[in-house]
Amino acid sequence: MDIRTVTTFFRWCTIINGGILILWAVFCAFAPDLVYRTQSKWFPLPRETFNAVIYSFLGFFKVVFLFFNVVPYVALLIVG
């Protein structure tokens, strides 16, 4: 496996996971009631608890995305 293959892999991981992060953030920002109604059918939680959980997961996903996708991709671009 050469550095170009790994760089391409991390580029696509960054694009796909970045798209998921953006889509999730847009849904939480512009359609929070839809997200709450959909999720409350499976997980009955009070609205305040749901907001805390969903935004905590969004923040966690952002940190994991940066740490495991963006940082390795930028490092490979610097090295390559």
PDB file of N, CA and C in Angstrom:
ATOM      1  N   MET A   1       0.851  -1.169   0.000  1.00  0.00           N
ATOM      2  CA  MET A   1       0.000   0.000   0.000  1.00  0.00           C
ATOM      3  C   MET A   1       0.904   1.242   0.000  1.00  0.00           C
ATOM      4  N   ASP A   2       0.747   2.076  -0.995  1.00  0.00           N
ATOM      5  CA  ASP A   2       1.587   3.264  -1.065  1.00  0.00           C
ATOM      6  C   ASP A   2       0.875   4.478  -0.480  1.00  0.00           C
ATOM      7  N   ILE A   3       1.610   5.576  -0.397  1.00  0.00           N
ATOM      8  CA  ILE A   3       1.088   6.772   0.267  1.00  0.00           C
ATOM      9  C   ILE A   3      -0.058   7.406  -0.520  1.00  0.00           C
ATOM     10  N   ARG A   4      -0.061   7.256  -1.837  1.00  0.00           N
ATOM     11  CA  ARG A   4      -1.156   7.808  -2.637  1.00  0.00           C
ATOM     12  C   ARG A   4      -2.480   7.095  -2.341  1.00  0.00           C
ATOM     13  N   THR A   5      -2.420   5.792  -2.198  1.00  0.00           N
ATOM     14  CA  THR A   5      -3.634   5.028  -1.895  1.00  0.00           C
ATOM     15  C   THR A   5      -4.186   5.419  -0.528  1.00  0.00           C
ATOM     16  N   VAL A   6      -3.313   5.538   0.445  1.00  0.00           N
ATOM     17  CA  VAL A   6      -3.753   5.914   1.794  1.00  0.00           C
ATOM     18  C   VAL A   6      -4.290   7.343   1.798  1.00  0.00           C
ATOM     19  N   THR A   7      -3.637   8.245   1.066  1.00  0.00           N
ATOM     20  CA  THR A   7      -4.108   9.619   0.973  1.00  0.00           C
ATOM     21  C   THR A   7      -5.484   9.680   0.315  1.00  0.00           C
ATOM     22  N   THR A   8      -5.671   8.912  -0.746  1.00  0.00           N
ATOM     23  CA  THR A   8      -6.981   8.861  -1.410  1.00  0.00           C
ATOM     24  C   THR A   8      -8.041   8.299  -0.471  1.00  0.00           C
ATOM     25  N   PHE A   9      -7.693   7.265   0.279  1.00  0.00           N
ATOM     26  CA  PHE A   9      -8.620   6.685   1.254  1.00  0.00           C
ATOM     27  C   PHE A   9      -9.057   7.731   2.276  1.00  0.00           C
ATOM     28  N   PHE A  10      -8.101   8.454   2.848  1.00  0.00           N
ATOM     29  CA  PHE A  10      -8.450   9.453   3.855  1.00  0.00           C
ATOM     30  C   PHE A  10      -9.172  10.650   3.247  1.00  0.00           C
ATOM     31  N   ARG A  11      -8.904  10.964   1.991  1.00  0.00           N
ATOM     32  CA  ARG A  11      -9.650  12.037   1.329  1.00  0.00           C
ATOM     33  C   ARG A  11     -11.126  11.667   1.248  1.00  0.00           C
ATOM     34  N   TRP A  12     -11.420  10.445   0.802  1.00  0.00           N
ATOM     35  CA  TRP A  12     -12.814  10.021   0.681  1.00  0.00           C
ATOM     36  C   TRP A  12     -13.468   9.845   2.041  1.00  0.00           C
ATOM     37  N   CYS A  13     -12.712   9.367   3.027  1.00  0.00           N
ATOM     38  CA  CYS A  13     -13.264   9.287   4.390  1.00  0.00           C
ATOM     39  C   CYS A  13     -13.637  10.677   4.898  1.00  0.00           C
ATOM     40  N   THR A  14     -12.790  11.652   4.637  1.00  0.00           N
ATOM     41  CA  THR A  14     -13.054  13.014   5.073  1.00  0.00           C
ATOM     42  C   THR A  14     -14.267  13.593   4.357  1.00  0.00           C
ATOM     43  N   ILE A  15     -14.379  13.357   3.068  1.00  0.00           N
ATOM     44  CA  ILE A  15     -15.515  13.881   2.309  1.00  0.00           C
ATOM     45  C   ILE A  15     -16.823  13.244   2.780  1.00  0.00           C
ATOM     46  N   ILE A  16     -16.844  11.934   2.906  1.00  0.00           N
ATOM     47  CA  ILE A  16     -18.073  11.239   3.305  1.00  0.00           C
ATOM     48  C   ILE A  16     -18.475  11.598   4.736  1.00  0.00           C
ATOM     49  N   ASN A  17     -17.540  11.519   5.665  1.00  0.00           N
ATOM     50  CA  ASN A  17     -17.875  11.831   7.056  1.00  0.00           C
ATOM     51  C   ASN A  17     -18.157  13.317   7.247  1.00  0.00           C
ATOM     52  N   GLY A  18     -17.504  14.176   6.487  1.00  0.00           N
ATOM     53  CA  GLY A  18     -17.824  15.604   6.541  1.00  0.00           C
ATOM     54  C   GLY A  18     -19.231  15.874   6.046  1.00  0.00           C
ATOM     55  N   GLY A  19     -19.636  15.164   5.003  1.00  0.00           N
ATOM     56  CA  GLY A  19     -21.005  15.297   4.508  1.00  0.00           C
ATOM     57  C   GLY A  19     -22.024  14.841   5.529  1.00  0.00           C
ATOM     58  N   ILE A  20     -21.737  13.732   6.189  1.00  0.00           N
ATOM     59  CA  ILE A  20     -22.640  13.243   7.240  1.00  0.00           C
ATOM     60  C   ILE A  20     -22.730  14.255   8.374  1.00  0.00           C
ATOM     61  N   LEU A  21     -21.600  14.818   8.777  1.00  0.00           N
ATOM     62  CA  LEU A  21     -21.580  15.816   9.849  1.00  0.00           C
ATOM     63  C   LEU A  21     -22.373  17.058   9.458  1.00  0.00           C
ATOM     64  N   ILE A  22     -22.189  17.534   8.248  1.00  0.00           N
ATOM     65  CA  ILE A  22     -22.920  18.719   7.796  1.00  0.00           C
ATOM     66  C   ILE A  22     -24.414  18.440   7.716  1.00  0.00           C
ATOM     67  N   LEU A  23     -24.780  17.292   7.164  1.00  0.00           N
ATOM     68  CA  LEU A  23     -26.190  16.929   7.061  1.00  0.00           C
ATOM     69  C   LEU A  23     -26.842  16.834   8.438  1.00  0.00           C
ATOM     70  N   TRP A  24     -26.151  16.191   9.366  1.00  0.00           N
ATOM     71  CA  TRP A  24     -26.660  16.050  10.729  1.00  0.00           C
ATOM     72  C   TRP A  24     -26.822  17.420  11.393  1.00  0.00           C
ATOM     73  N   ALA A  25     -25.824  18.296  11.231  1.00  0.00           N
ATOM     74  CA  ALA A  25     -25.894  19.626  11.836  1.00  0.00           C
ATOM     75  C   ALA A  25     -27.021  20.445  11.222  1.00  0.00           C
ATOM     76  N   VAL A  26     -27.221  20.333   9.914  1.00  0.00           N
ATOM     77  CA  VAL A  26     -28.305  21.069   9.255  1.00  0.00           C
ATOM     78  C   VAL A  26     -29.663  20.584   9.760  1.00  0.00           C
ATOM     79  N   PHE A  27     -29.827  19.274   9.869  1.00  0.00           N
ATOM     80  CA  PHE A  27     -31.094  18.754  10.397  1.00  0.00           C
ATOM     81  C   PHE A  27     -31.334  19.220  11.825  1.00  0.00           C
ATOM     82  N   CYS A  28     -30.305  19.201  12.652  1.00  0.00           N
ATOM     83  CA  CYS A  28     -30.474  19.623  14.046  1.00  0.00           C
ATOM     84  C   CYS A  28     -30.722  21.120  14.157  1.00  0.00           C
ATOM     85  N   ALA A  29     -30.191  21.903  13.231  1.00  0.00           N
ATOM     86  CA  ALA A  29     -30.362  23.352  13.292  1.00  0.00           C
ATOM     87  C   ALA A  29     -31.684  23.810  12.689  1.00  0.00           C
ATOM     88  N   PHE A  30     -32.073  23.211  11.568  1.00  0.00           N
ATOM     89  CA  PHE A  30     -33.233  23.727  10.845  1.00  0.00           C
ATOM     90  C   PHE A  30     -34.495  22.885  10.971  1.00  0.00           C
ATOM     91  N   ALA A  31     -34.382  21.659  11.457  1.00  0.00           N
ATOM     92  CA  ALA A  31     -35.565  20.813  11.633  1.00  0.00           C
ATOM     93  C   ALA A  31     -35.498  20.039  12.949  1.00  0.00           C
ATOM     94  N   PRO A  32     -35.295  20.743  14.063  1.00  0.00           N
ATOM     95  CA  PRO A  32     -35.160  20.018  15.331  1.00  0.00           C
ATOM     96  C   PRO A  32     -36.434  19.290  15.755  1.00  0.00           C
ATOM     97  N   ASP A  33     -37.590  19.850  15.409  1.00  0.00           N
ATOM     98  CA  ASP A  33     -38.847  19.184  15.781  1.00  0.00           C
ATOM     99  C   ASP A  33     -39.026  17.878  15.029  1.00  0.00           C
ATOM    100  N   LEU A  34     -38.664  17.866  13.756  1.00  0.00           N
ATOM    101  CA  LEU A  34     -38.741  16.639  12.959  1.00  0.00           C
ATOM    102  C   LEU A  34     -37.812  15.564  13.530  1.00  0.00           C
ATOM    103  N   VAL A  35     -36.608  15.964  13.873  1.00  0.00           N
ATOM    104  CA  VAL A  35     -35.649  15.012  14.445  1.00  0.00           C
ATOM    105  C   VAL A  35     -36.167  14.478  15.777  1.00  0.00           C
ATOM    106  N   TYR A  36     -36.695  15.375  16.607  1.00  0.00           N
ATOM    107  CA  TYR A  36     -37.213  14.939  17.906  1.00  0.00           C
ATOM    108  C   TYR A  36     -38.406  13.999  17.750  1.00  0.00           C
ATOM    109  N   ARG A  37     -39.347  14.336  16.881  1.00  0.00           N
ATOM    110  CA  ARG A  37     -40.514  13.471  16.683  1.00  0.00           C
ATOM    111  C   ARG A  37     -40.105  12.097  16.157  1.00  0.00           C
ATOM    112  N   THR A  38     -39.170  12.082  15.231  1.00  0.00           N
ATOM    113  CA  THR A  38     -38.724  10.810  14.661  1.00  0.00           C
ATOM    114  C   THR A  38     -38.032   9.950  15.716  1.00  0.00           C
ATOM    115  N   GLN A  39     -37.131  10.547  16.463  1.00  0.00           N
ATOM    116  CA  GLN A  39     -36.368   9.785  17.440  1.00  0.00           C
ATOM    117  C   GLN A  39     -37.185   9.429  18.682  1.00  0.00           C
ATOM    118  N   SER A  40     -38.144  10.260  19.034  1.00  0.00           N
ATOM    119  CA  SER A  40     -38.922   9.984  20.243  1.00  0.00           C
ATOM    120  C   SER A  40     -39.854   8.786  20.063  1.00  0.00           C
ATOM    121  N   LYS A  41     -40.088   8.360  18.839  1.00  0.00           N
ATOM    122  CA  LYS A  41     -40.864   7.139  18.625  1.00  0.00           C
ATOM    123  C   LYS A  41     -40.092   5.914  19.106  1.00  0.00           C
ATOM    124  N   TRP A  42     -38.773   5.955  18.969  1.00  0.00           N
ATOM    125  CA  TRP A  42     -37.932   4.827  19.384  1.00  0.00           C
ATOM    126  C   TRP A  42     -37.403   4.994  20.799  1.00  0.00           C
ATOM    127  N   PHE A  43     -37.053   6.219  21.156  1.00  0.00           N
ATOM    128  CA  PHE A  43     -36.440   6.497  22.452  1.00  0.00           C
ATOM    129  C   PHE A  43     -37.228   7.600  23.152  1.00  0.00           C
ATOM    130  N   PRO A  44     -38.163   7.243  23.996  1.00  0.00           N
ATOM    131  CA  PRO A  44     -38.973   8.274  24.654  1.00  0.00           C
ATOM    132  C   PRO A  44     -38.152   9.039  25.703  1.00  0.00           C
ATOM    133  N   LEU A  45     -37.769  10.253  25.362  1.00  0.00           N
ATOM    134  CA  LEU A  45     -36.995  11.115  26.248  1.00  0.00           C
ATOM    135  C   LEU A  45     -37.670  12.481  26.327  1.00  0.00           C
ATOM    136  N   PRO A  46     -37.522  13.162  27.452  1.00  0.00           N
ATOM    137  CA  PRO A  46     -37.983  14.555  27.497  1.00  0.00           C
ATOM    138  C   PRO A  46     -37.168  15.407  26.506  1.00  0.00           C
ATOM    139  N   ARG A  47     -37.749  16.484  26.047  1.00  0.00           N
ATOM    140  CA  ARG A  47     -37.108  17.321  25.024  1.00  0.00           C
ATOM    141  C   ARG A  47     -35.755  17.870  25.487  1.00  0.00           C
ATOM    142  N   GLU A  48     -35.636  18.287  26.724  1.00  0.00           N
ATOM    143  CA  GLU A  48     -34.377  18.843  27.225  1.00  0.00           C
ATOM    144  C   GLU A  48     -33.271  17.788  27.226  1.00  0.00           C
ATOM    145  N   THR A  49     -33.623  16.579  27.645  1.00  0.00           N
ATOM    146  CA  THR A  49     -32.645  15.486  27.642  1.00  0.00           C
ATOM    147  C   THR A  49     -32.248  15.131  26.221  1.00  0.00           C
ATOM    148  N   PHE A  50     -33.228  15.093  25.327  1.00  0.00           N
ATOM    149  CA  PHE A  50     -32.940  14.801  23.928  1.00  0.00           C
ATOM    150  C   PHE A  50     -31.990  15.832  23.332  1.00  0.00           C
ATOM    151  N   ASN A  51     -32.249  17.112  23.601  1.00  0.00           N
ATOM    152  CA  ASN A  51     -31.367  18.160  23.078  1.00  0.00           C
ATOM    153  C   ASN A  51     -29.947  17.997  23.590  1.00  0.00           C
ATOM    154  N   ALA A  52     -29.808  17.714  24.887  1.00  0.00           N
ATOM    155  CA  ALA A  52     -28.474  17.531  25.447  1.00  0.00           C
ATOM    156  C   ALA A  52     -27.766  16.333  24.823  1.00  0.00           C
ATOM    157  N   VAL A  53     -28.477  15.243  24.638  1.00  0.00           N
ATOM    158  CA  VAL A  53     -27.879  14.031  24.071  1.00  0.00           C
ATOM    159  C   VAL A  53     -27.505  14.236  22.612  1.00  0.00           C
ATOM    160  N   ILE A  54     -28.398  14.798  21.819  1.00  0.00           N
ATOM    161  CA  ILE A  54     -28.144  14.922  20.388  1.00  0.00           C
ATOM    162  C   ILE A  54     -26.994  15.888  20.117  1.00  0.00           C
ATOM    163  N   TYR A  55     -26.927  16.985  20.857  1.00  0.00           N
ATOM    164  CA  TYR A  55     -25.838  17.928  20.637  1.00  0.00           C
ATOM    165  C   TYR A  55     -24.522  17.422  21.226  1.00  0.00           C
ATOM    166  N   SER A  56     -24.594  16.591  22.252  1.00  0.00           N
ATOM    167  CA  SER A  56     -23.372  15.957  22.758  1.00  0.00           C
ATOM    168  C   SER A  56     -22.808  14.982  21.736  1.00  0.00           C
ATOM    169  N   PHE A  57     -23.688  14.182  21.132  1.00  0.00           N
ATOM    170  CA  PHE A  57     -23.235  13.267  20.086  1.00  0.00           C
ATOM    171  C   PHE A  57     -22.708  14.024  18.867  1.00  0.00           C
ATOM    172  N   LEU A  58     -23.328  15.132  18.532  1.00  0.00           N
ATOM    173  CA  LEU A  58     -22.852  15.939  17.414  1.00  0.00           C
ATOM    174  C   LEU A  58     -21.455  16.477  17.693  1.00  0.00           C
ATOM    175  N   GLY A  59     -21.224  16.967  18.894  1.00  0.00           N
ATOM    176  CA  GLY A  59     -19.894  17.440  19.275  1.00  0.00           C
ATOM    177  C   GLY A  59     -18.872  16.320  19.301  1.00  0.00           C
ATOM    178  N   PHE A  60     -19.268  15.156  19.811  1.00  0.00           N
ATOM    179  CA  PHE A  60     -18.361  14.008  19.844  1.00  0.00           C
ATOM    180  C   PHE A  60     -18.000  13.562  18.435  1.00  0.00           C
ATOM    181  N   PHE A  61     -18.992  13.516  17.544  1.00  0.00           N
ATOM    182  CA  PHE A  61     -18.732  13.128  16.161  1.00  0.00           C
ATOM    183  C   PHE A  61     -17.789  14.122  15.486  1.00  0.00           C
ATOM    184  N   LYS A  62     -17.954  15.407  15.788  1.00  0.00           N
ATOM    185  CA  LYS A  62     -17.080  16.425  15.210  1.00  0.00           C
ATOM    186  C   LYS A  62     -15.634  16.220  15.649  1.00  0.00           C
ATOM    187  N   VAL A  63     -15.424  15.951  16.924  1.00  0.00           N
ATOM    188  CA  VAL A  63     -14.065  15.729  17.427  1.00  0.00           C
ATOM    189  C   VAL A  63     -13.460  14.470  16.810  1.00  0.00           C
ATOM    190  N   VAL A  64     -14.236  13.395  16.754  1.00  0.00           N
ATOM    191  CA  VAL A  64     -13.751  12.143  16.156  1.00  0.00           C
ATOM    192  C   VAL A  64     -13.467  12.339  14.669  1.00  0.00           C
ATOM    193  N   PHE A  65     -14.326  13.077  13.979  1.00  0.00           N
ATOM    194  CA  PHE A  65     -14.116  13.376  12.559  1.00  0.00           C
ATOM    195  C   PHE A  65     -12.807  14.128  12.350  1.00  0.00           C
ATOM    196  N   LEU A  66     -12.575  15.140  13.146  1.00  0.00           N
ATOM    197  CA  LEU A  66     -11.339  15.903  13.002  1.00  0.00           C
ATOM    198  C   LEU A  66     -10.116  15.056  13.333  1.00  0.00           C
ATOM    199  N   PHE A  67     -10.208  14.296  14.402  1.00  0.00           N
ATOM    200  CA  PHE A  67      -9.048  13.542  14.881  1.00  0.00           C
ATOM    201  C   PHE A  67      -8.710  12.349  13.988  1.00  0.00           C
ATOM    202  N   PHE A  68      -9.711  11.635  13.508  1.00  0.00           N
ATOM    203  CA  PHE A  68      -9.457  10.404  12.760  1.00  0.00           C
ATOM    204  C   PHE A  68      -9.570  10.547  11.243  1.00  0.00           C
ATOM    205  N   ASN A  69     -10.054  11.681  10.738  1.00  0.00           N
ATOM    206  CA  ASN A  69     -10.182  11.855   9.298  1.00  0.00           C
ATOM    207  C   ASN A  69      -9.348  13.017   8.783  1.00  0.00           C
ATOM    208  N   VAL A  70      -9.589  14.194   9.331  1.00  0.00           N
ATOM    209  CA  VAL A  70      -8.944  15.389   8.799  1.00  0.00           C
ATOM    210  C   VAL A  70      -7.460  15.429   9.138  1.00  0.00           C
ATOM    211  N   VAL A  71      -7.107  15.160  10.379  1.00  0.00           N
ATOM    212  CA  VAL A  71      -5.697  15.229  10.784  1.00  0.00           C
ATOM    213  C   VAL A  71      -4.830  14.227  10.018  1.00  0.00           C
ATOM    214  N   PRO A  72      -5.228  12.943   9.888  1.00  0.00           N
ATOM    215  CA  PRO A  72      -4.396  12.044   9.082  1.00  0.00           C
ATOM    216  C   PRO A  72      -4.309  12.455   7.615  1.00  0.00           C
ATOM    217  N   TYR A  73      -5.406  12.975   7.063  1.00  0.00           N
ATOM    218  CA  TYR A  73      -5.378  13.404   5.664  1.00  0.00           C
ATOM    219  C   TYR A  73      -4.412  14.573   5.466  1.00  0.00           C
ATOM    220  N   VAL A  74      -4.467  15.555   6.356  1.00  0.00           N
ATOM    221  CA  VAL A  74      -3.550  16.694   6.249  1.00  0.00           C
ATOM    222  C   VAL A  74      -2.105  16.245   6.470  1.00  0.00           C
ATOM    223  N   ALA A  75      -1.889  15.339   7.409  1.00  0.00           N
ATOM    224  CA  ALA A  75      -0.529  14.828   7.637  1.00  0.00           C
ATOM    225  C   ALA A  75       0.001  14.095   6.407  1.00  0.00           C
ATOM    226  N   LEU A  76      -0.843  13.322   5.774  1.00  0.00           N
ATOM    227  CA  LEU A  76      -0.419  12.622   4.554  1.00  0.00           C
ATOM    228  C   LEU A  76      -0.153  13.599   3.415  1.00  0.00           C
ATOM    229  N   LEU A  77      -0.923  14.662   3.337  1.00  0.00           N
ATOM    230  CA  LEU A  77      -0.649  15.667   2.317  1.00  0.00           C
ATOM    231  C   LEU A  77       0.690  16.356   2.568  1.00  0.00           C
ATOM    232  N   ILE A  78       1.005  16.589   3.810  1.00  0.00           N
ATOM    233  CA  ILE A  78       2.288  17.241   4.152  1.00  0.00           C
ATOM    234  C   ILE A  78       3.441  16.287   3.838  1.00  0.00           C
ATOM    235  N   VAL A  79       3.322  15.040   4.227  1.00  0.00           N
ATOM    236  CA  VAL A  79       4.387  14.057   4.022  1.00  0.00           C
ATOM    237  C   VAL A  79       4.565  13.724   2.530  1.00  0.00           C
ATOM    238  N   GLY A  80       3.402  13.600   1.834  1.00  0.00           N
ATOM    239  CA  GLY A  80       3.437  13.178   0.437  1.00  0.00           C
ATOM    240  C   GLY A  80       3.905  14.292  -0.442  1.00  0.00           C
TER     241      GLY A  80
END
